[in-house]
Amino acid sequence: MDTQLAECRAHQAGLEQSIVETNGALRDADRQQAAALVQRRLDMQASLKYQDHEEFTLVRELQKMAILVDKYYNEMFFFQQDEVTSYG
């Protein structure tokens, strides 16, 4: 009976150790997964900031082009008006 009790206790100790190791592995896996999710979120935020900057830069360049086109058409209009008045 003592032998069976000793075997049961040894088996129980082995199971408890296995549970401790499994829980440790799960915590490590959770930490790794959490770290991967945090890194993914940081990467996405950086990407969005870069896209926002690119959009801002593009809008600014388009505004500059619109101003230049407007100036060009105004100059062409006045040039044509000058030609009409000089011939007339």
N, C-alpha and C. Protein backbone atom coordinates (compact mmCIF):
# COMPACT_ATOMS: atom_id res chain seq x y z
N MET A 1 0.82 -1.19 0.00
CA MET A 1 0.00 0.00 0.00
C MET A 1 0.87 1.26 0.00
N ASP A 2 1.94 1.23 0.79
CA ASP A 2 2.84 2.37 0.82
C ASP A 2 3.48 2.60 -0.54
N THR A 3 3.75 1.51 -1.24
CA THR A 3 4.35 1.63 -2.57
C THR A 3 3.38 2.29 -3.54
N GLN A 4 2.12 1.88 -3.49
CA GLN A 4 1.12 2.48 -4.36
C GLN A 4 0.93 3.96 -4.02
N LEU A 5 0.91 4.28 -2.75
CA LEU A 5 0.77 5.67 -2.32
C LEU A 5 1.95 6.50 -2.81
N ALA A 6 3.14 5.95 -2.71
CA ALA A 6 4.34 6.65 -3.18
C ALA A 6 4.28 6.84 -4.69
N GLU A 7 3.82 5.82 -5.40
CA GLU A 7 3.69 5.93 -6.86
C GLU A 7 2.65 6.98 -7.23
N CYS A 8 1.53 6.99 -6.51
CA CYS A 8 0.48 7.99 -6.78
C CYS A 8 1.00 9.41 -6.53
N ARG A 9 1.74 9.57 -5.43
CA ARG A 9 2.29 10.90 -5.12
C ARG A 9 3.33 11.32 -6.16
N ALA A 10 4.12 10.39 -6.62
CA ALA A 10 5.11 10.69 -7.66
C ALA A 10 4.40 11.07 -8.96
N HIS A 11 3.35 10.32 -9.27
CA HIS A 11 2.58 10.62 -10.47
C HIS A 11 1.92 11.99 -10.35
N GLN A 12 1.35 12.28 -9.17
CA GLN A 12 0.72 13.57 -8.93
C GLN A 12 1.75 14.70 -9.05
N ALA A 13 2.92 14.48 -8.49
CA ALA A 13 3.98 15.50 -8.58
C ALA A 13 4.38 15.72 -10.04
N GLY A 14 4.44 14.64 -10.80
CA GLY A 14 4.76 14.76 -12.23
C GLY A 14 3.69 15.54 -12.97
N LEU A 15 2.41 15.26 -12.65
CA LEU A 15 1.30 16.00 -13.27
C LEU A 15 1.34 17.48 -12.89
N GLU A 16 1.60 17.76 -11.61
CA GLU A 16 1.68 19.15 -11.17
C GLU A 16 2.82 19.88 -11.89
N GLN A 17 3.95 19.21 -12.04
CA GLN A 17 5.08 19.81 -12.75
C GLN A 17 4.71 20.05 -14.21
N SER A 18 4.01 19.11 -14.80
CA SER A 18 3.58 19.26 -16.19
C SER A 18 2.63 20.44 -16.34
N ILE A 19 1.72 20.58 -15.37
CA ILE A 19 0.78 21.71 -15.39
C ILE A 19 1.54 23.03 -15.28
N VAL A 20 2.50 23.09 -14.37
CA VAL A 20 3.30 24.31 -14.19
C VAL A 20 4.04 24.64 -15.48
N GLU A 21 4.65 23.64 -16.11
CA GLU A 21 5.38 23.86 -17.36
C GLU A 21 4.44 24.30 -18.48
N THR A 22 3.26 23.65 -18.55
CA THR A 22 2.28 24.02 -19.58
C THR A 22 1.80 25.45 -19.38
N ASN A 23 1.49 25.82 -18.13
CA ASN A 23 1.06 27.19 -17.84
C ASN A 23 2.15 28.20 -18.20
N GLY A 24 3.39 27.85 -17.88
CA GLY A 24 4.50 28.73 -18.23
C GLY A 24 4.62 28.90 -19.74
N ALA A 25 4.46 27.81 -20.46
CA ALA A 25 4.54 27.88 -21.93
C ALA A 25 3.39 28.71 -22.48
N LEU A 26 2.20 28.54 -21.90
CA LEU A 26 1.05 29.34 -22.35
C LEU A 26 1.26 30.83 -22.07
N ARG A 27 1.82 31.15 -20.89
CA ARG A 27 2.11 32.56 -20.58
C ARG A 27 3.12 33.12 -21.57
N ASP A 28 4.16 32.33 -21.86
CA ASP A 28 5.16 32.78 -22.83
C ASP A 28 4.53 32.99 -24.20
N ALA A 29 3.66 32.06 -24.60
CA ALA A 29 2.99 32.19 -25.90
C ALA A 29 2.09 33.42 -25.90
N ASP A 30 1.37 33.65 -24.78
CA ASP A 30 0.51 34.83 -24.68
C ASP A 30 1.34 36.11 -24.76
N ARG A 31 2.49 36.11 -24.10
CA ARG A 31 3.37 37.29 -24.15
C ARG A 31 3.85 37.53 -25.58
N GLN A 32 4.25 36.45 -26.23
CA GLN A 32 4.73 36.58 -27.61
C GLN A 32 3.62 37.07 -28.53
N GLN A 33 2.42 36.51 -28.35
CA GLN A 33 1.30 36.94 -29.17
C GLN A 33 0.94 38.39 -28.88
N ALA A 34 0.93 38.77 -27.61
CA ALA A 34 0.64 40.15 -27.25
C ALA A 34 1.69 41.09 -27.82
N ALA A 35 2.95 40.70 -27.74
CA ALA A 35 4.02 41.53 -28.29
C ALA A 35 3.87 41.66 -29.80
N ALA A 36 3.49 40.57 -30.46
CA ALA A 36 3.29 40.62 -31.92
C ALA A 36 2.12 41.54 -32.26
N LEU A 37 1.04 41.48 -31.48
CA LEU A 37 -0.11 42.35 -31.74
C LEU A 37 0.24 43.82 -31.51
N VAL A 38 1.00 44.09 -30.45
CA VAL A 38 1.42 45.47 -30.18
C VAL A 38 2.30 45.97 -31.31
N GLN A 39 3.23 45.14 -31.76
CA GLN A 39 4.12 45.54 -32.86
C GLN A 39 3.32 45.79 -34.13
N ARG A 40 2.33 44.94 -34.39
CA ARG A 40 1.49 45.12 -35.58
C ARG A 40 0.73 46.44 -35.50
N ARG A 41 0.20 46.75 -34.31
CA ARG A 41 -0.52 48.00 -34.15
C ARG A 41 0.41 49.20 -34.35
N LEU A 42 1.61 49.12 -33.80
CA LEU A 42 2.57 50.21 -33.98
C LEU A 42 2.94 50.38 -35.45
N ASP A 43 3.12 49.26 -36.14
CA ASP A 43 3.42 49.32 -37.57
C ASP A 43 2.28 49.96 -38.35
N MET A 44 1.04 49.60 -37.98
CA MET A 44 -0.11 50.17 -38.67
C MET A 44 -0.21 51.67 -38.40
N GLN A 45 0.04 52.08 -37.16
CA GLN A 45 0.00 53.50 -36.83
C GLN A 45 1.06 54.27 -37.60
N ALA A 46 2.25 53.70 -37.68
CA ALA A 46 3.33 54.35 -38.42
C ALA A 46 2.96 54.45 -39.89
N SER A 47 2.36 53.41 -40.42
CA SER A 47 1.95 53.42 -41.83
C SER A 47 0.89 54.49 -42.07
N LEU A 48 -0.07 54.60 -41.15
CA LEU A 48 -1.12 55.61 -41.30
C LEU A 48 -0.54 57.01 -41.21
N LYS A 49 0.40 57.21 -40.29
CA LYS A 49 1.03 58.53 -40.18
C LYS A 49 1.77 58.87 -41.47
N TYR A 50 2.46 57.88 -42.04
CA TYR A 50 3.17 58.10 -43.29
C TYR A 50 2.19 58.42 -44.40
N GLN A 51 1.07 57.68 -44.47
CA GLN A 51 0.07 57.94 -45.50
C GLN A 51 -0.53 59.33 -45.32
N ASP A 52 -0.82 59.71 -44.06
CA ASP A 52 -1.36 61.05 -43.80
C ASP A 52 -0.37 62.11 -44.27
N HIS A 53 0.91 61.91 -43.99
CA HIS A 53 1.93 62.86 -44.41
C HIS A 53 1.98 62.93 -45.93
N GLU A 54 1.93 61.76 -46.58
CA GLU A 54 1.97 61.73 -48.04
C GLU A 54 0.75 62.43 -48.63
N GLU A 55 -0.44 62.19 -48.05
CA GLU A 55 -1.64 62.85 -48.53
C GLU A 55 -1.54 64.36 -48.34
N PHE A 56 -1.05 64.79 -47.19
CA PHE A 56 -0.90 66.22 -46.92
C PHE A 56 0.05 66.84 -47.95
N THR A 57 1.16 66.16 -48.20
CA THR A 57 2.14 66.66 -49.17
C THR A 57 1.52 66.72 -50.56
N LEU A 58 0.78 65.69 -50.93
CA LEU A 58 0.14 65.65 -52.24
C LEU A 58 -0.88 66.78 -52.38
N VAL A 59 -1.69 66.99 -51.35
CA VAL A 59 -2.69 68.06 -51.40
C VAL A 59 -2.00 69.41 -51.52
N ARG A 60 -0.92 69.60 -50.78
CA ARG A 60 -0.18 70.86 -50.85
C ARG A 60 0.38 71.09 -52.26
N GLU A 61 0.93 70.03 -52.86
CA GLU A 61 1.46 70.14 -54.22
C GLU A 61 0.35 70.42 -55.23
N LEU A 62 -0.80 69.78 -55.05
CA LEU A 62 -1.93 70.03 -55.95
C LEU A 62 -2.43 71.46 -55.81
N GLN A 63 -2.42 71.99 -54.59
CA GLN A 63 -2.82 73.38 -54.39
C GLN A 63 -1.85 74.32 -55.10
N LYS A 64 -0.56 74.03 -55.01
CA LYS A 64 0.43 74.85 -55.71
C LYS A 64 0.21 74.80 -57.21
N MET A 65 -0.07 73.59 -57.72
CA MET A 65 -0.30 73.45 -59.16
C MET A 65 -1.56 74.21 -59.58
N ALA A 66 -2.60 74.16 -58.75
CA ALA A 66 -3.84 74.87 -59.07
C ALA A 66 -3.58 76.38 -59.12
N ILE A 67 -2.77 76.88 -58.21
CA ILE A 67 -2.43 78.31 -58.22
C ILE A 67 -1.66 78.66 -59.50
N LEU A 68 -0.70 77.81 -59.87
CA LEU A 68 0.07 78.07 -61.09
C LEU A 68 -0.81 78.02 -62.34
N VAL A 69 -1.71 77.04 -62.40
CA VAL A 69 -2.62 76.94 -63.55
C VAL A 69 -3.53 78.16 -63.60
N ASP A 70 -4.03 78.60 -62.44
CA ASP A 70 -4.88 79.78 -62.39
C ASP A 70 -4.12 81.01 -62.87
N LYS A 71 -2.88 81.17 -62.42
CA LYS A 71 -2.06 82.30 -62.88
C LYS A 71 -1.83 82.23 -64.39
N TYR A 72 -1.56 81.02 -64.88
CA TYR A 72 -1.32 80.84 -66.32
C TYR A 72 -2.56 81.25 -67.12
N TYR A 73 -3.74 80.78 -66.71
CA TYR A 73 -4.95 81.13 -67.45
C TYR A 73 -5.26 82.61 -67.34
N ASN A 74 -5.00 83.21 -66.18
CA ASN A 74 -5.21 84.66 -66.05
C ASN A 74 -4.28 85.42 -66.98
N GLU A 75 -3.01 85.01 -67.05
CA GLU A 75 -2.07 85.67 -67.95
C GLU A 75 -2.48 85.48 -69.40
N MET A 76 -2.91 84.27 -69.74
CA MET A 76 -3.36 84.01 -71.11
C MET A 76 -4.58 84.86 -71.44
N PHE A 77 -5.51 84.99 -70.49
CA PHE A 77 -6.70 85.79 -70.70
C PHE A 77 -6.33 87.25 -70.94
N PHE A 78 -5.45 87.78 -70.09
CA PHE A 78 -5.04 89.18 -70.25
C PHE A 78 -4.22 89.37 -71.52
N PHE A 79 -3.42 88.37 -71.88
CA PHE A 79 -2.65 88.44 -73.12
C PHE A 79 -3.60 88.49 -74.31
N GLN A 80 -4.63 87.66 -74.30
CA GLN A 80 -5.61 87.66 -75.39
C GLN A 80 -6.38 88.98 -75.42
N GLN A 81 -6.71 89.51 -74.24
CA GLN A 81 -7.41 90.80 -74.19
C GLN A 81 -6.54 91.91 -74.75
N ASP A 82 -5.24 91.85 -74.46
CA ASP A 82 -4.32 92.85 -74.99
C ASP A 82 -4.24 92.76 -76.51
N GLU A 83 -4.23 91.53 -77.04
CA GLU A 83 -4.18 91.35 -78.49
C GLU A 83 -5.45 91.88 -79.13
N VAL A 84 -6.59 91.64 -78.51
CA VAL A 84 -7.87 92.10 -79.06
C VAL A 84 -7.91 93.62 -79.06
N THR A 85 -7.47 94.25 -77.99
CA THR A 85 -7.53 95.71 -77.92
C THR A 85 -6.47 96.35 -78.81
N SER A 86 -5.34 95.68 -79.01
CA SER A 86 -4.31 96.28 -79.86
C SER A 86 -4.69 96.18 -81.34
N TYR A 87 -5.47 95.17 -81.73
CA TYR A 87 -5.91 95.06 -83.12
C TYR A 87 -7.15 95.90 -83.37
N GLY A 88 -7.89 96.15 -82.32
CA GLY A 88 -9.18 96.81 -82.48
C GLY A 88 -9.05 98.25 -82.52
